[in-house]
Amino acid sequence: FVFNSRDPIVVGVMVEAGIVKEGTPVCVPSKD
């Protein structure tokens, strides 16, 4: 599930963004 080994952070962000878009966020921040 790694697109670019040299940019693991970018890949992680993309994955997180995809999860959030799916409607299943990893961590839910307090909505003010």
PDB file of N, CA and C in Angstrom:
ATOM      1  N   PHE A   1       0.856  -1.196   0.000  1.00  0.00           N
ATOM      2  CA  PHE A   1       0.000   0.000   0.000  1.00  0.00           C
ATOM      3  C   PHE A   1       0.883   1.233   0.000  1.00  0.00           C
ATOM      4  N   VAL A   2       2.102   1.089  -0.546  1.00  0.00           N
ATOM      5  CA  VAL A   2       3.032   2.222  -0.570  1.00  0.00           C
ATOM      6  C   VAL A   2       3.216   2.689  -2.006  1.00  0.00           C
ATOM      7  N   PHE A   3       2.885   3.964  -2.260  1.00  0.00           N
ATOM      8  CA  PHE A   3       3.023   4.510  -3.604  1.00  0.00           C
ATOM      9  C   PHE A   3       4.445   5.011  -3.822  1.00  0.00           C
ATOM     10  N   ASN A   4       5.006   5.676  -2.814  1.00  0.00           N
ATOM     11  CA  ASN A   4       6.345   6.245  -2.929  1.00  0.00           C
ATOM     12  C   ASN A   4       7.100   5.995  -1.641  1.00  0.00           C
ATOM     13  N   SER A   5       8.107   5.128  -1.686  1.00  0.00           N
ATOM     14  CA  SER A   5       8.862   4.804  -0.479  1.00  0.00           C
ATOM     15  C   SER A   5       9.633   6.018   0.022  1.00  0.00           C
ATOM     16  N   ARG A   6       9.962   6.927  -0.885  1.00  0.00           N
ATOM     17  CA  ARG A   6      10.761   8.091  -0.489  1.00  0.00           C
ATOM     18  C   ARG A   6       9.884   9.150   0.172  1.00  0.00           C
ATOM     19  N   ASP A   7       8.561   9.040   0.024  1.00  0.00           N
ATOM     20  CA  ASP A   7       7.656  10.022   0.634  1.00  0.00           C
ATOM     21  C   ASP A   7       6.586   9.315   1.456  1.00  0.00           C
ATOM     22  N   PRO A   8       6.984   8.645   2.537  1.00  0.00           N
ATOM     23  CA  PRO A   8       6.021   7.910   3.374  1.00  0.00           C
ATOM     24  C   PRO A   8       5.018   8.842   4.024  1.00  0.00           C
ATOM     25  N   ILE A   9       5.457  10.070   4.338  1.00  0.00           N
ATOM     26  CA  ILE A   9       4.556  11.029   4.988  1.00  0.00           C
ATOM     27  C   ILE A   9       3.440  11.412   4.029  1.00  0.00           C
ATOM     28  N   VAL A  10       3.803  11.706   2.786  1.00  0.00           N
ATOM     29  CA  VAL A  10       2.802  12.096   1.785  1.00  0.00           C
ATOM     30  C   VAL A  10       1.810  10.959   1.589  1.00  0.00           C
ATOM     31  N   VAL A  11       2.336   9.736   1.499  1.00  0.00           N
ATOM     32  CA  VAL A  11       1.466   8.569   1.316  1.00  0.00           C
ATOM     33  C   VAL A  11       0.524   8.442   2.495  1.00  0.00           C
ATOM     34  N   GLY A  12       1.047   8.615   3.695  1.00  0.00           N
ATOM     35  CA  GLY A  12       0.223   8.520   4.904  1.00  0.00           C
ATOM     36  C   GLY A  12      -0.871   9.558   4.889  1.00  0.00           C
ATOM     37  N   VAL A  13      -0.519  10.781   4.482  1.00  0.00           N
ATOM     38  CA  VAL A  13      -1.510  11.859   4.435  1.00  0.00           C
ATOM     39  C   VAL A  13      -2.587  11.521   3.415  1.00  0.00           C
ATOM     40  N   MET A  14      -2.167  11.012   2.258  1.00  0.00           N
ATOM     41  CA  MET A  14      -3.133  10.663   1.213  1.00  0.00           C
ATOM     42  C   MET A  14      -4.085   9.591   1.717  1.00  0.00           C
ATOM     43  N   VAL A  15      -3.530   8.604   2.416  1.00  0.00           N
ATOM     44  CA  VAL A  15      -4.352   7.516   2.953  1.00  0.00           C
ATOM     45  C   VAL A  15      -5.318   8.068   3.986  1.00  0.00           C
ATOM     46  N   GLU A  16      -4.798   8.919   4.876  1.00  0.00           N
ATOM     47  CA  GLU A  16      -5.665   9.508   5.910  1.00  0.00           C
ATOM     48  C   GLU A  16      -6.765  10.327   5.260  1.00  0.00           C
ATOM     49  N   ALA A  17      -6.401  11.117   4.254  1.00  0.00           N
ATOM     50  CA  ALA A  17      -7.394  11.950   3.566  1.00  0.00           C
ATOM     51  C   ALA A  17      -8.462  11.061   2.939  1.00  0.00           C
ATOM     52  N   GLY A  18      -8.040   9.952   2.358  1.00  0.00           N
ATOM     53  CA  GLY A  18      -8.995   9.031   1.743  1.00  0.00           C
ATOM     54  C   GLY A  18      -9.938   8.458   2.786  1.00  0.00           C
ATOM     55  N   ILE A  19      -9.384   8.096   3.951  1.00  0.00           N
ATOM     56  CA  ILE A  19     -10.214   7.532   5.019  1.00  0.00           C
ATOM     57  C   ILE A  19     -11.212   8.572   5.499  1.00  0.00           C
ATOM     58  N   VAL A  20     -10.746   9.805   5.669  1.00  0.00           N
ATOM     59  CA  VAL A  20     -11.633  10.874   6.138  1.00  0.00           C
ATOM     60  C   VAL A  20     -12.736  11.107   5.111  1.00  0.00           C
ATOM     61  N   LYS A  21     -12.366  11.081   3.835  1.00  0.00           N
ATOM     62  CA  LYS A  21     -13.356  11.291   2.773  1.00  0.00           C
ATOM     63  C   LYS A  21     -14.393  10.178   2.809  1.00  0.00           C
ATOM     64  N   GLU A  22     -13.945   8.974   3.124  1.00  0.00           N
ATOM     65  CA  GLU A  22     -14.851   7.829   3.179  1.00  0.00           C
ATOM     66  C   GLU A  22     -15.896   8.031   4.261  1.00  0.00           C
ATOM     67  N   GLY A  23     -15.563   8.887   5.238  1.00  0.00           N
ATOM     68  CA  GLY A  23     -16.512   9.131   6.316  1.00  0.00           C
ATOM     69  C   GLY A  23     -16.103   8.368   7.567  1.00  0.00           C
ATOM     70  N   THR A  24     -14.855   7.860   7.575  1.00  0.00           N
ATOM     71  CA  THR A  24     -14.370   7.124   8.732  1.00  0.00           C
ATOM     72  C   THR A  24     -13.041   7.720   9.175  1.00  0.00           C
ATOM     73  N   PRO A  25     -13.071   8.888   9.805  1.00  0.00           N
ATOM     74  CA  PRO A  25     -11.846   9.557  10.243  1.00  0.00           C
ATOM     75  C   PRO A  25     -11.135   8.772  11.328  1.00  0.00           C
ATOM     76  N   VAL A  26      -9.798   8.815  11.294  1.00  0.00           N
ATOM     77  CA  VAL A  26      -9.012   8.091  12.290  1.00  0.00           C
ATOM     78  C   VAL A  26      -9.160   8.774  13.641  1.00  0.00           C
ATOM     79  N   CYS A  27      -8.971  10.095  13.657  1.00  0.00           N
ATOM     80  CA  CYS A  27      -9.142  10.827  14.909  1.00  0.00           C
ATOM     81  C   CYS A  27     -10.129  11.963  14.686  1.00  0.00           C
ATOM     82  N   VAL A  28     -11.073  12.083  15.602  1.00  0.00           N
ATOM     83  CA  VAL A  28     -12.110  13.107  15.459  1.00  0.00           C
ATOM     84  C   VAL A  28     -11.791  14.296  16.353  1.00  0.00           C
ATOM     85  N   PRO A  29     -11.412  15.420  15.741  1.00  0.00           N
ATOM     86  CA  PRO A  29     -11.105  16.632  16.509  1.00  0.00           C
ATOM     87  C   PRO A  29     -12.370  17.268  17.052  1.00  0.00           C
ATOM     88  N   SER A  30     -12.233  18.006  18.123  1.00  0.00           N
ATOM     89  CA  SER A  30     -13.407  18.654  18.728  1.00  0.00           C
ATOM     90  C   SER A  30     -13.922  19.745  17.799  1.00  0.00           C
ATOM     91  N   LYS A  31     -15.158  19.615  17.373  1.00  0.00           N
ATOM     92  CA  LYS A  31     -15.734  20.601  16.452  1.00  0.00           C
ATOM     93  C   LYS A  31     -16.253  21.786  17.244  1.00  0.00           C
ATOM     94  N   ASP A  32     -15.607  22.939  17.039  1.00  0.00           N
ATOM     95  CA  ASP A  32     -16.027  24.147  17.773  1.00  0.00           C
ATOM     96  C   ASP A  32     -17.161  24.831  17.025  1.00  0.00           C
TER      97      ASP A  32
END
